[in-house]
Amino acid sequence: MKKVRKSLGGKMILGISLVIMLALTGFFYLHIKEDYRHLVMLIRDEAYQLSDSIKRSIKHNMLLNQRGDLQQRFVDITDRDGIIRMRIIEAGKVKIASDRHEIGQLIDKKAEGCNECHKNGEHPASSSTINYRIFKNVNGREVIGIISPLYNEKICYPCHGSEKKILGVLDITISLDRVSAFLKANRIRMVLFLVFTFILISVTVSLLIRHFVILPIKKLTEETAMITYGNLDHQICIDTGDEIGDLARAFNLMTSKLKASTQEVENKIKLATSQLAAANEELEESDRKKSEMMMAVAHDIRAPLAAVESCLRVVLDGYLKDNPKKEREMLQRVEARVEEQLALVKNLLDFSQVTESLHREMKRVNLSEVIEKVTDLMAELAAAKRISIEVQGQAEPLFIQGDEELLVRALTNLVDNSLKYSPPKSIVWISSQCMNNRIHVSVRDNGPGIPEDDLPMIFDFLFRGMTAKRQKKHGSGLGLAIVKQIIEIHKGEIRVESVEKEGANFLISLPRA
């Protein structure tokens, strides 16, 4: 039973069965209640007709003042068609009754059988109409009482005068035992029908859920397990034409993209490896750097991908199916990891493209325009971080031989790095000047600075300093390596000056055209 409550199918079946039970119970309750009301109305209408019939039949005895015959007629009528009691009441006193012991008694207007018409013991609101009320008599039987007025007609004037409009009332009490017996039998039939209907619908719903939900999900779980174990060529074959089929197609698409992404990363790594090997083929030192680079890339990719695989295995194996919130958090962690790896791949591509730019054709470039373009590109990001960018230096053009696209990328990386580590309401300065036939550019911030131990390795491939790790800033360790590569392509130099907690200053020196 516990296993059923934990399964998706079990929850659906229990929930739907509960709804069906409540709906059927409510329907049958209202049905029985309506039956009761309808039967009471029928008995009431019959009682009205009976009351009129009795009034007509006793009229002759009343005119002749034959109380004895009238008394006997009441006795004869009682116990026929469920009639329990008959009596004529005049001025609150019983004049004639089927039960002789009631004759002469005063009526208690506050009694249960009377308080429907006599609210709080007062006179009824209208005594000229036939009234009925349902109550329990002294024996605990449920009965319906009919009060029918006896009008003062002209033939009655000699005895009763003409002042009174109503001489009294005819009170008939009829048993509702037939109604109770019918409703009891009807309730039994309804309960049996309710149980049968509930079982029939529950079994039908259970079979439908098993066929259209449980079995496809079970198959989906089994087939995704094959993907979890590394079989990226496996395709899930579930075509139900509904949301589960869409989920299967989404898994197939995700697997295809994951495979393509893995192949793309592998291809790019191979391409980068071959390019580095070709460029440094004659130098033993270059071979060593190439090996270190490959090991670093493999380490930076293998560990996150292993974490992604582990998280997906936890989700696909259903360990978190009872905790949607944690499952969503797990998938968000996977998404973040994949985005980091995509960023790494992009930076690897950038690094590869920069390496391929060694033989680009250099043109005359105005470095002041490059700085202005970078400032415009980073203005929105700086505003979002509430950081100002100030440009200082010579107003005159500063020309160099170079590639404008690569120079924009290098300065953009440096400014982006400064914005990433600078606190809000701070300033990033970009300055430029010409000295001794060389153009000097500086990008300075007042962020946390760079630890002294990290300064010698700050431009190394895939190196991330302690400041970045402490602040948990996302990065690939390629940004500054790309900047250095671009500056060296332009036959320039780059260095950094920094004191912890006092910011960092990146200094670039390029030959003037």
Protein backbone atom coordinates (compact mmCIF):
# COMPACT_ATOMS: atom_id res chain seq x y z
CA MET A 1 0.00 0.00 0.00
CA LYS A 2 2.86 2.36 0.83
CA LYS A 3 4.44 1.63 -2.54
CA VAL A 4 1.13 2.41 -4.28
CA ARG A 5 0.87 5.78 -2.50
CA LYS A 6 4.38 6.69 -3.67
CA SER A 7 3.88 5.76 -7.33
CA LEU A 8 2.47 8.26 -9.81
CA GLY A 9 -0.18 5.81 -11.01
CA GLY A 10 -1.21 4.98 -7.45
CA LYS A 11 -1.60 8.66 -6.60
CA MET A 12 -3.68 9.29 -9.71
CA ILE A 13 -5.92 6.27 -9.09
CA LEU A 14 -6.46 7.12 -5.42
CA GLY A 15 -7.14 10.77 -6.20
CA ILE A 16 -9.58 10.05 -9.03
CA SER A 17 -11.33 7.34 -7.00
CA LEU A 18 -11.78 9.77 -4.11
CA VAL A 19 -13.26 12.41 -6.42
CA ILE A 20 -15.61 9.82 -7.97
CA MET A 21 -16.71 8.62 -4.52
CA LEU A 22 -17.42 12.16 -3.34
CA ALA A 23 -19.26 13.05 -6.56
CA LEU A 24 -21.43 9.91 -6.48
CA THR A 25 -22.15 10.29 -2.77
CA GLY A 26 -23.20 13.91 -3.27
CA PHE A 27 -25.37 12.98 -6.25
CA PHE A 28 -27.14 10.17 -4.41
CA TYR A 29 -27.61 12.31 -1.30
CA LEU A 30 -29.31 15.03 -3.31
CA HIS A 31 -31.33 12.40 -5.18
CA ILE A 32 -32.64 10.82 -1.96
CA LYS A 33 -33.36 14.25 -0.52
CA GLU A 34 -35.33 15.19 -3.63
CA ASP A 35 -37.22 11.87 -3.52
CA TYR A 36 -38.20 12.58 0.08
CA ARG A 37 -39.42 16.08 -0.80
CA HIS A 38 -41.34 14.78 -3.82
CA LEU A 39 -43.05 12.00 -1.83
CA VAL A 40 -44.00 14.41 0.95
CA MET A 41 -45.54 16.73 -1.65
CA LEU A 42 -47.53 13.85 -3.10
CA ILE A 43 -48.82 12.86 0.34
CA ARG A 44 -49.58 16.49 1.09
CA ASP A 45 -51.64 16.84 -2.11
CA GLU A 46 -53.46 13.60 -1.33
CA ALA A 47 -54.09 14.88 2.20
CA TYR A 48 -55.51 18.12 0.80
CA GLN A 49 -57.92 16.15 -1.37
CA LEU A 50 -58.78 13.85 1.55
CA SER A 51 -59.41 16.87 3.76
CA ASP A 52 -61.82 18.40 1.22
CA SER A 53 -63.56 15.05 0.80
CA ILE A 54 -63.99 14.59 4.57
CA LYS A 55 -65.27 18.16 4.96
CA ARG A 56 -67.96 17.52 2.35
CA SER A 57 -68.90 14.16 3.90
CA ILE A 58 -69.31 15.54 7.44
CA LYS A 59 -71.18 18.69 6.38
CA HIS A 60 -74.60 17.00 6.72
CA ASN A 61 -73.82 15.75 10.27
CA MET A 62 -72.63 19.19 11.29
CA LEU A 63 -75.80 20.87 9.96
CA LEU A 64 -77.96 18.42 11.91
CA ASN A 65 -75.64 18.76 14.92
CA GLN A 66 -75.20 14.99 14.97
CA ARG A 67 -71.98 15.01 16.97
CA GLY A 68 -72.25 11.34 17.90
CA ASP A 69 -72.45 10.22 14.26
CA LEU A 70 -69.62 12.61 13.38
CA GLN A 71 -67.53 11.25 16.22
CA GLN A 72 -68.09 7.70 15.00
CA ARG A 73 -67.23 8.66 11.43
CA PHE A 74 -63.90 10.07 12.61
CA VAL A 75 -63.20 6.81 14.43
CA ASP A 76 -64.10 4.79 11.32
CA ILE A 77 -61.87 6.89 9.04
CA THR A 78 -58.85 6.73 11.38
CA ASP A 79 -56.22 4.07 10.56
CA ARG A 80 -57.31 4.05 6.92
CA ASP A 81 -54.67 5.12 4.36
CA GLY A 82 -52.27 5.90 7.17
CA ILE A 83 -54.56 8.41 8.96
CA ILE A 84 -53.54 8.48 12.63
CA ARG A 85 -55.79 11.18 14.04
CA MET A 86 -58.71 13.44 13.07
CA ARG A 87 -60.24 16.23 15.08
CA ILE A 88 -62.19 19.45 14.80
CA ILE A 89 -60.75 22.39 16.76
CA GLU A 90 -62.78 25.47 17.62
CA ALA A 91 -61.35 28.45 19.50
CA GLY A 92 -58.28 26.45 20.57
CA LYS A 93 -60.38 23.58 22.05
CA VAL A 94 -60.94 20.09 20.63
CA LYS A 95 -64.66 19.66 19.87
CA ILE A 96 -64.71 16.34 18.02
CA ALA A 97 -61.80 13.85 17.76
CA SER A 98 -61.14 10.30 16.66
CA ASP A 99 -59.58 9.83 20.11
CA ARG A 100 -62.43 10.57 22.58
CA HIS A 101 -59.91 11.42 25.32
CA GLU A 102 -58.90 14.58 23.45
CA ILE A 103 -62.42 16.05 23.36
CA GLY A 104 -62.59 19.19 25.41
CA GLN A 105 -58.81 19.60 25.69
CA LEU A 106 -57.15 22.95 24.96
CA ILE A 107 -54.54 22.98 22.22
CA ASP A 108 -50.95 23.77 23.23
CA LYS A 109 -49.98 26.20 20.51
CA LYS A 110 -46.29 25.83 21.41
CA ALA A 111 -46.28 22.08 20.81
CA GLU A 112 -44.15 20.72 17.97
CA GLY A 113 -47.21 19.94 15.85
CA CYS A 114 -48.58 23.50 16.21
CA ASN A 115 -45.56 25.82 16.23
CA GLU A 116 -45.25 25.73 12.45
CA CYS A 117 -48.41 27.84 12.16
CA HIS A 118 -48.48 29.42 15.64
CA LYS A 119 -45.08 31.08 15.84
CA ASN A 120 -44.22 31.57 19.52
CA GLY A 121 -47.79 30.56 20.46
CA GLU A 122 -49.42 33.40 18.51
CA HIS A 123 -52.31 33.18 16.05
CA PRO A 124 -51.34 31.92 12.61
CA ALA A 125 -50.48 34.51 9.98
CA SER A 126 -53.31 33.26 7.79
CA SER A 127 -56.02 30.96 9.05
CA SER A 128 -57.99 31.05 5.81
CA THR A 129 -55.69 28.67 3.89
CA ILE A 130 -54.92 24.98 4.19
CA ASN A 131 -51.59 24.53 6.01
CA TYR A 132 -49.42 21.51 6.51
CA ARG A 133 -46.49 20.72 8.77
CA ILE A 134 -44.20 17.74 9.28
CA PHE A 135 -43.28 16.70 12.84
CA LYS A 136 -42.85 13.72 15.14
CA ASN A 137 -45.77 12.70 17.32
CA VAL A 138 -45.57 11.50 20.92
CA ASN A 139 -44.73 7.99 19.71
CA GLY A 140 -41.72 9.27 17.77
CA ARG A 141 -43.33 8.56 14.37
CA GLU A 142 -42.80 11.09 11.61
CA VAL A 143 -46.19 12.46 10.50
CA ILE A 144 -47.68 15.19 8.35
CA GLY A 145 -50.45 17.34 9.75
CA ILE A 146 -53.06 19.05 7.57
CA ILE A 147 -55.03 22.02 8.94
CA SER A 148 -58.08 22.87 6.83
CA PRO A 149 -60.38 25.77 7.79
CA LEU A 150 -64.17 25.23 8.24
CA TYR A 151 -65.86 28.28 6.75
CA ASN A 152 -69.03 29.89 8.10
CA GLU A 153 -71.62 29.56 5.32
CA LYS A 154 -75.15 31.02 5.14
CA ILE A 155 -76.75 27.75 6.12
CA CYS A 156 -74.64 27.89 9.32
CA TYR A 157 -75.81 31.41 10.31
CA PRO A 158 -78.82 30.21 12.41
CA CYS A 159 -76.48 28.46 14.89
CA HIS A 160 -73.24 30.38 14.59
CA GLY A 161 -74.29 33.79 13.47
CA SER A 162 -72.76 35.72 10.57
CA GLU A 163 -69.92 37.50 12.38
CA LYS A 164 -67.35 34.71 12.18
CA LYS A 165 -65.72 33.93 8.88
CA ILE A 166 -64.14 30.67 10.08
CA LEU A 167 -65.88 28.43 12.60
CA GLY A 168 -62.88 26.19 13.28
CA VAL A 169 -60.39 23.88 11.61
CA LEU A 170 -60.25 20.25 10.60
CA ASP A 171 -56.92 18.75 11.78
CA ILE A 172 -55.86 15.51 10.09
CA THR A 173 -52.60 13.72 11.01
CA ILE A 174 -51.24 11.20 8.49
CA SER A 175 -48.33 8.80 9.06
CA LEU A 176 -45.19 9.05 6.89
CA ASP A 177 -44.24 5.43 7.56
CA ARG A 178 -44.73 4.57 3.90
CA VAL A 179 -42.33 7.34 2.89
CA SER A 180 -39.76 6.23 5.46
CA ALA A 181 -40.00 2.59 4.35
CA PHE A 182 -39.68 3.57 0.70
CA LEU A 183 -36.70 5.81 1.38
CA LYS A 184 -35.00 3.13 3.47
CA ALA A 185 -35.35 0.60 0.65
CA ASN A 186 -34.27 3.24 -1.84
CA ARG A 187 -31.17 4.07 0.25
CA ILE A 188 -30.16 0.40 0.25
CA ARG A 189 -30.56 0.26 -3.53
CA MET A 190 -28.62 3.51 -3.90
CA VAL A 191 -25.76 2.27 -1.71
CA LEU A 192 -25.51 -0.96 -3.69
CA PHE A 193 -25.58 0.98 -6.95
CA LEU A 194 -23.02 3.44 -5.56
CA VAL A 195 -20.62 0.63 -4.64
CA PHE A 196 -21.09 -1.09 -8.01
CA THR A 197 -20.64 2.18 -9.94
CA PHE A 198 -17.59 3.16 -7.90
CA ILE A 199 -15.92 -0.21 -8.47
CA LEU A 200 -16.74 -0.15 -12.20
CA ILE A 201 -15.43 3.40 -12.74
CA SER A 202 -12.36 2.87 -10.52
CA VAL A 203 -11.37 -0.30 -12.36
CA THR A 204 -11.91 1.38 -15.73
CA VAL A 205 -9.87 4.45 -14.73
CA SER A 206 -7.13 2.23 -13.27
CA LEU A 207 -6.83 0.28 -16.52
CA LEU A 208 -6.75 3.47 -18.59
CA ILE A 209 -4.09 5.07 -16.36
CA ARG A 210 -2.02 1.91 -16.44
CA HIS A 211 -2.22 1.69 -20.24
CA PHE A 212 -1.75 5.37 -21.10
CA VAL A 213 0.43 6.63 -18.21
CA ILE A 214 2.13 4.01 -16.03
CA LEU A 215 3.40 1.66 -18.76
CA PRO A 216 4.72 4.48 -21.05
CA ILE A 217 6.48 6.16 -18.11
CA LYS A 218 7.98 2.85 -17.02
CA LYS A 219 9.25 2.26 -20.55
CA LEU A 220 10.59 5.82 -20.68
CA THR A 221 12.46 5.30 -17.40
CA GLU A 222 13.98 2.04 -18.62
CA GLU A 223 15.14 3.52 -21.91
CA THR A 224 16.54 6.72 -20.38
CA ALA A 225 18.63 4.49 -18.11
CA MET A 226 20.48 3.31 -21.23
CA ILE A 227 21.30 6.94 -22.06
CA THR A 228 22.47 7.50 -18.49
CA TYR A 229 25.06 4.76 -18.92
CA GLY A 230 26.62 6.57 -21.89
CA ASN A 231 24.75 5.13 -24.89
CA LEU A 232 24.14 8.49 -26.63
CA ASP A 233 23.18 6.70 -29.87
CA HIS A 234 20.10 5.15 -28.26
CA GLN A 235 16.75 6.62 -29.29
CA ILE A 236 13.65 6.27 -27.10
CA CYS A 237 10.87 4.58 -29.10
CA ILE A 238 7.67 5.89 -27.50
CA ASP A 239 5.09 7.42 -29.83
CA THR A 240 1.90 7.77 -27.79
CA GLY A 241 0.86 11.02 -29.47
CA ASP A 242 0.49 12.79 -26.12
CA GLU A 243 2.65 14.62 -23.57
CA ILE A 244 4.63 11.46 -22.74
CA GLY A 245 5.43 11.05 -26.43
CA ASP A 246 6.53 14.71 -26.48
CA LEU A 247 8.74 14.02 -23.46
CA ALA A 248 10.33 11.05 -25.24
CA ARG A 249 11.03 13.21 -28.30
CA ALA A 250 12.50 15.91 -26.05
CA PHE A 251 14.84 13.31 -24.49
CA ASN A 252 15.88 12.16 -27.96
CA LEU A 253 16.56 15.77 -28.99
CA MET A 254 18.52 16.40 -25.78
CA THR A 255 20.57 13.24 -26.36
CA SER A 256 21.29 14.25 -29.95
CA LYS A 257 22.36 17.73 -28.89
CA LEU A 258 24.48 16.35 -26.07
CA LYS A 259 26.16 13.97 -28.48
CA ALA A 260 26.67 16.73 -31.04
CA SER A 261 28.01 19.06 -28.33
CA THR A 262 30.40 16.38 -27.09
CA GLN A 263 31.58 15.68 -30.63
CA GLU A 264 31.93 19.41 -31.26
CA VAL A 265 33.99 19.86 -28.12
CA GLU A 266 36.13 16.89 -29.04
CA ASN A 267 36.56 18.20 -32.59
CA LYS A 268 37.46 21.68 -31.36
CA ILE A 269 39.93 20.25 -28.88
CA LYS A 270 41.45 18.13 -31.63
CA LEU A 271 41.59 21.18 -33.89
CA ALA A 272 43.21 23.29 -31.17
CA THR A 273 45.61 20.46 -30.42
CA SER A 274 46.60 20.04 -34.05
CA GLN A 275 47.07 23.79 -34.47
CA LEU A 276 49.20 24.05 -31.36
CA ALA A 277 51.19 20.99 -32.40
CA ALA A 278 51.80 22.44 -35.88
CA ALA A 279 52.79 25.87 -34.51
CA ASN A 280 55.16 24.44 -31.92
CA GLU A 281 56.35 21.38 -33.80
CA GLU A 282 60.03 22.39 -33.78
CA LEU A 283 60.19 23.52 -30.17
CA GLU A 284 60.39 21.09 -27.28
CA GLU A 285 59.10 23.73 -24.88
CA SER A 286 56.04 24.25 -27.06
CA ASP A 287 55.36 20.51 -26.97
CA ARG A 288 55.42 20.58 -23.21
CA LYS A 289 53.01 23.51 -23.12
CA LYS A 290 50.73 21.75 -25.55
CA SER A 291 50.57 18.68 -23.29
CA GLU A 292 49.84 20.82 -20.25
CA MET A 293 47.15 22.67 -22.17
CA MET A 294 45.46 19.45 -23.26
CA MET A 295 45.54 18.06 -19.72
CA ALA A 296 44.05 21.29 -18.35
CA VAL A 297 41.28 21.35 -20.96
CA ALA A 298 40.49 17.68 -20.42
CA HIS A 299 40.39 18.24 -16.65
CA ASP A 300 38.15 21.33 -16.96
CA ILE A 301 35.74 19.50 -19.26
CA ARG A 302 35.79 16.00 -17.77
CA ALA A 303 34.91 16.98 -14.18
CA PRO A 304 31.86 19.17 -15.06
CA LEU A 305 30.60 16.60 -17.60
CA ALA A 306 30.95 13.90 -14.97
CA ALA A 307 28.94 16.09 -12.58
CA VAL A 308 26.30 16.63 -15.29
CA GLU A 309 26.11 12.88 -15.91
CA SER A 310 25.80 12.20 -12.18
CA CYS A 311 22.98 14.74 -11.76
CA LEU A 312 21.12 13.38 -14.78
CA ARG A 313 21.46 9.83 -13.46
CA VAL A 314 19.91 10.89 -10.14
CA VAL A 315 16.97 12.52 -11.98
CA LEU A 316 16.49 9.81 -14.60
CA ASP A 317 16.67 7.00 -12.03
CA GLY A 318 13.75 8.64 -10.25
CA TYR A 319 15.46 9.24 -6.90
CA LEU A 320 13.89 12.72 -6.73
CA LYS A 321 10.52 12.00 -8.31
CA ASP A 322 8.76 12.61 -4.97
CA ASN A 323 10.57 15.93 -4.52
CA PRO A 324 9.85 18.13 -7.59
CA LYS A 325 11.52 21.14 -6.00
CA LYS A 326 14.81 19.32 -5.44
CA GLU A 327 14.54 17.70 -8.86
CA ARG A 328 14.18 21.16 -10.45
CA GLU A 329 17.17 22.42 -8.46
CA MET A 330 19.20 19.45 -9.71
CA LEU A 331 18.26 20.20 -13.34
CA GLN A 332 19.13 23.88 -12.84
CA ARG A 333 22.56 22.80 -11.61
CA VAL A 334 22.93 20.68 -14.75
CA GLU A 335 21.92 23.67 -16.88
CA ALA A 336 24.45 25.92 -15.13
CA ARG A 337 27.21 23.32 -15.64
CA VAL A 338 26.36 22.96 -19.35
CA GLU A 339 26.34 26.75 -19.79
CA GLU A 340 29.78 26.95 -18.16
CA GLN A 341 31.09 24.30 -20.54
CA LEU A 342 29.56 26.10 -23.53
CA ALA A 343 31.29 29.29 -22.35
CA LEU A 344 34.54 27.33 -22.06
CA VAL A 345 34.08 25.96 -25.57
CA LYS A 346 33.38 29.49 -26.86
CA ASN A 347 36.54 30.81 -25.23
CA LEU A 348 38.48 27.87 -26.63
CA LEU A 349 37.13 28.81 -30.07
CA ASP A 350 38.10 32.45 -29.45
CA PHE A 351 41.57 31.33 -28.41
CA SER A 352 41.78 29.15 -31.51
CA GLN A 353 40.64 32.02 -33.74
CA VAL A 354 43.19 34.36 -32.17
CA THR A 355 45.88 31.77 -32.79
CA GLU A 356 44.76 31.57 -36.42
CA SER A 357 45.08 35.37 -36.63
CA LEU A 358 48.88 35.24 -36.50
CA HIS A 359 48.99 35.75 -40.26
CA ARG A 360 46.18 38.29 -40.61
CA GLU A 361 46.74 41.34 -42.73
CA MET A 362 47.40 44.36 -40.49
CA LYS A 363 45.84 47.72 -41.34
CA ARG A 364 46.12 51.25 -40.01
CA VAL A 365 43.84 51.47 -36.94
CA ASN A 366 42.97 54.49 -34.78
CA LEU A 367 43.27 53.19 -31.21
CA SER A 368 41.20 56.14 -29.86
CA GLU A 369 38.23 54.96 -31.96
CA VAL A 370 38.77 51.40 -30.68
CA ILE A 371 38.59 52.68 -27.07
CA GLU A 372 35.42 54.65 -27.86
CA LYS A 373 33.79 51.58 -29.44
CA VAL A 374 34.65 49.42 -26.41
CA THR A 375 33.23 52.06 -24.07
CA ASP A 376 29.95 52.09 -26.00
CA LEU A 377 29.79 48.29 -26.00
CA MET A 378 30.28 48.04 -22.22
CA ALA A 379 28.15 51.04 -21.22
CA GLU A 380 24.96 49.03 -20.67
CA LEU A 381 26.69 46.37 -18.56
CA ALA A 382 28.42 49.06 -16.50
CA ALA A 383 25.13 50.88 -15.91
CA ALA A 384 23.50 47.62 -14.77
CA LYS A 385 26.30 47.18 -12.22
CA ARG A 386 26.15 50.90 -11.25
CA ILE A 387 29.80 51.40 -12.29
CA SER A 388 31.14 54.38 -14.24
CA ILE A 389 33.62 54.13 -17.13
CA GLU A 390 35.90 57.16 -17.57
CA VAL A 391 38.17 57.64 -20.60
CA GLN A 392 41.34 59.69 -20.11
CA GLY A 393 44.19 60.55 -22.47
CA GLN A 394 45.09 62.40 -25.64
CA ALA A 395 42.35 63.69 -27.90
CA GLU A 396 44.50 63.28 -31.03
CA PRO A 397 44.34 60.07 -33.09
CA LEU A 398 46.68 57.27 -32.01
CA PHE A 399 47.41 55.04 -35.01
CA ILE A 400 48.89 51.56 -34.97
CA GLN A 401 49.21 48.74 -37.49
CA GLY A 402 46.78 46.06 -36.41
CA ASP A 403 43.42 44.26 -36.60
CA GLU A 404 40.56 46.39 -35.23
CA GLU A 405 38.36 43.35 -34.38
CA LEU A 406 41.08 41.70 -32.30
CA LEU A 407 41.93 44.94 -30.50
CA VAL A 408 38.26 45.51 -29.62
CA ARG A 409 38.11 41.96 -28.24
CA ALA A 410 41.24 42.43 -26.11
CA LEU A 411 40.11 45.73 -24.57
CA THR A 412 36.55 44.39 -24.10
CA ASN A 413 37.95 41.42 -22.12
CA LEU A 414 39.97 43.75 -19.89
CA VAL A 415 37.03 46.13 -19.24
CA ASP A 416 34.65 43.20 -18.66
CA ASN A 417 37.15 41.75 -16.15
CA SER A 418 37.30 45.08 -14.29
CA LEU A 419 33.50 45.41 -14.21
CA LYS A 420 33.17 41.85 -12.92
CA TYR A 421 35.32 42.49 -9.84
CA SER A 422 34.58 46.17 -9.15
CA PRO A 423 32.05 47.05 -6.42
CA PRO A 424 28.94 49.15 -7.22
CA LYS A 425 29.36 52.96 -7.41
CA SER A 426 33.02 52.57 -8.38
CA ILE A 427 34.93 53.71 -11.50
CA VAL A 428 36.85 51.91 -14.24
CA TRP A 429 39.44 54.15 -15.94
CA ILE A 430 40.67 53.72 -19.54
CA SER A 431 43.61 55.94 -20.40
CA SER A 432 45.89 56.24 -23.44
CA GLN A 433 48.98 58.28 -24.38
CA CYS A 434 51.90 58.27 -26.81
CA MET A 435 55.47 58.18 -25.43
CA ASN A 436 58.74 57.39 -27.18
CA ASN A 437 57.02 56.26 -30.36
CA ARG A 438 54.88 53.75 -28.47
CA ILE A 439 51.24 53.95 -27.49
CA HIS A 440 50.44 53.08 -23.86
CA VAL A 441 46.92 52.00 -22.83
CA SER A 442 45.83 51.41 -19.24
CA VAL A 443 42.67 49.73 -17.86
CA ARG A 444 42.43 50.36 -14.11
CA ASP A 445 39.84 49.56 -11.41
CA ASN A 446 39.54 49.78 -7.63
CA GLY A 447 38.31 46.21 -7.08
CA PRO A 448 39.75 43.58 -4.71
CA GLY A 449 43.04 43.41 -6.58
CA ILE A 450 45.18 40.36 -7.41
CA PRO A 451 47.17 38.42 -4.80
CA GLU A 452 50.92 38.76 -5.25
CA ASP A 453 51.34 34.99 -5.70
CA ASP A 454 48.92 35.02 -8.66
CA LEU A 455 50.58 37.87 -10.60
CA PRO A 456 53.22 35.74 -12.42
CA MET A 457 50.54 33.32 -13.70
CA ILE A 458 47.70 35.75 -14.41
CA PHE A 459 48.06 35.43 -18.22
CA ASP A 460 48.57 31.64 -18.21
CA PHE A 461 46.23 29.37 -20.16
CA LEU A 462 43.18 28.30 -18.04
CA PHE A 463 44.52 29.99 -14.92
CA ARG A 464 41.94 31.36 -12.46
CA GLY A 465 43.22 33.42 -9.54
CA MET A 466 42.31 33.15 -5.89
CA THR A 467 40.15 36.30 -6.07
CA ALA A 468 37.90 34.70 -8.71
CA LYS A 469 37.63 31.48 -6.72
CA ARG A 470 36.88 33.23 -3.44
CA GLN A 471 34.13 35.33 -5.01
CA LYS A 472 32.84 32.29 -7.01
CA LYS A 473 32.96 34.27 -10.26
CA HIS A 474 32.21 32.14 -13.31
CA GLY A 475 35.05 32.04 -15.83
CA SER A 476 37.19 29.79 -17.97
CA GLY A 477 40.66 31.17 -17.32
CA LEU A 478 41.06 32.03 -21.02
CA GLY A 479 40.13 35.74 -21.08
CA LEU A 480 43.52 37.18 -20.12
CA ALA A 481 45.37 34.50 -22.12
CA ILE A 482 43.44 35.67 -25.21
CA VAL A 483 44.29 39.31 -24.41
CA LYS A 484 47.99 38.49 -24.14
CA GLN A 485 47.88 36.50 -27.40
CA ILE A 486 46.25 39.45 -29.25
CA ILE A 487 48.75 41.97 -27.86
CA GLU A 488 51.67 39.74 -28.86
CA ILE A 489 50.20 39.38 -32.39
CA HIS A 490 50.47 43.19 -32.58
CA LYS A 491 54.09 43.00 -31.35
CA GLY A 492 53.13 44.61 -28.09
CA GLU A 493 53.51 43.88 -24.39
CA ILE A 494 51.08 43.60 -21.51
CA ARG A 495 51.65 43.52 -17.77
CA VAL A 496 49.65 44.06 -14.60
CA GLU A 497 50.23 46.04 -11.44
CA SER A 498 48.11 45.26 -8.43
CA VAL A 499 47.95 45.45 -4.67
CA GLU A 500 45.31 43.40 -2.84
CA LYS A 501 42.23 45.42 -1.88
CA GLU A 502 43.50 48.41 -3.94
CA GLY A 503 42.46 47.37 -7.45
CA ALA A 504 44.38 46.25 -10.53
CA ASN A 505 45.99 48.15 -13.44
CA PHE A 506 46.56 46.40 -16.79
CA LEU A 507 49.22 48.19 -18.87
CA ILE A 508 49.50 47.67 -22.64
CA SER A 509 52.35 48.97 -24.82
CA LEU A 510 52.00 48.89 -28.64
CA PRO A 511 54.28 50.21 -31.40
CA ARG A 512 52.98 53.38 -33.06
CA ALA A 513 52.32 53.29 -36.80
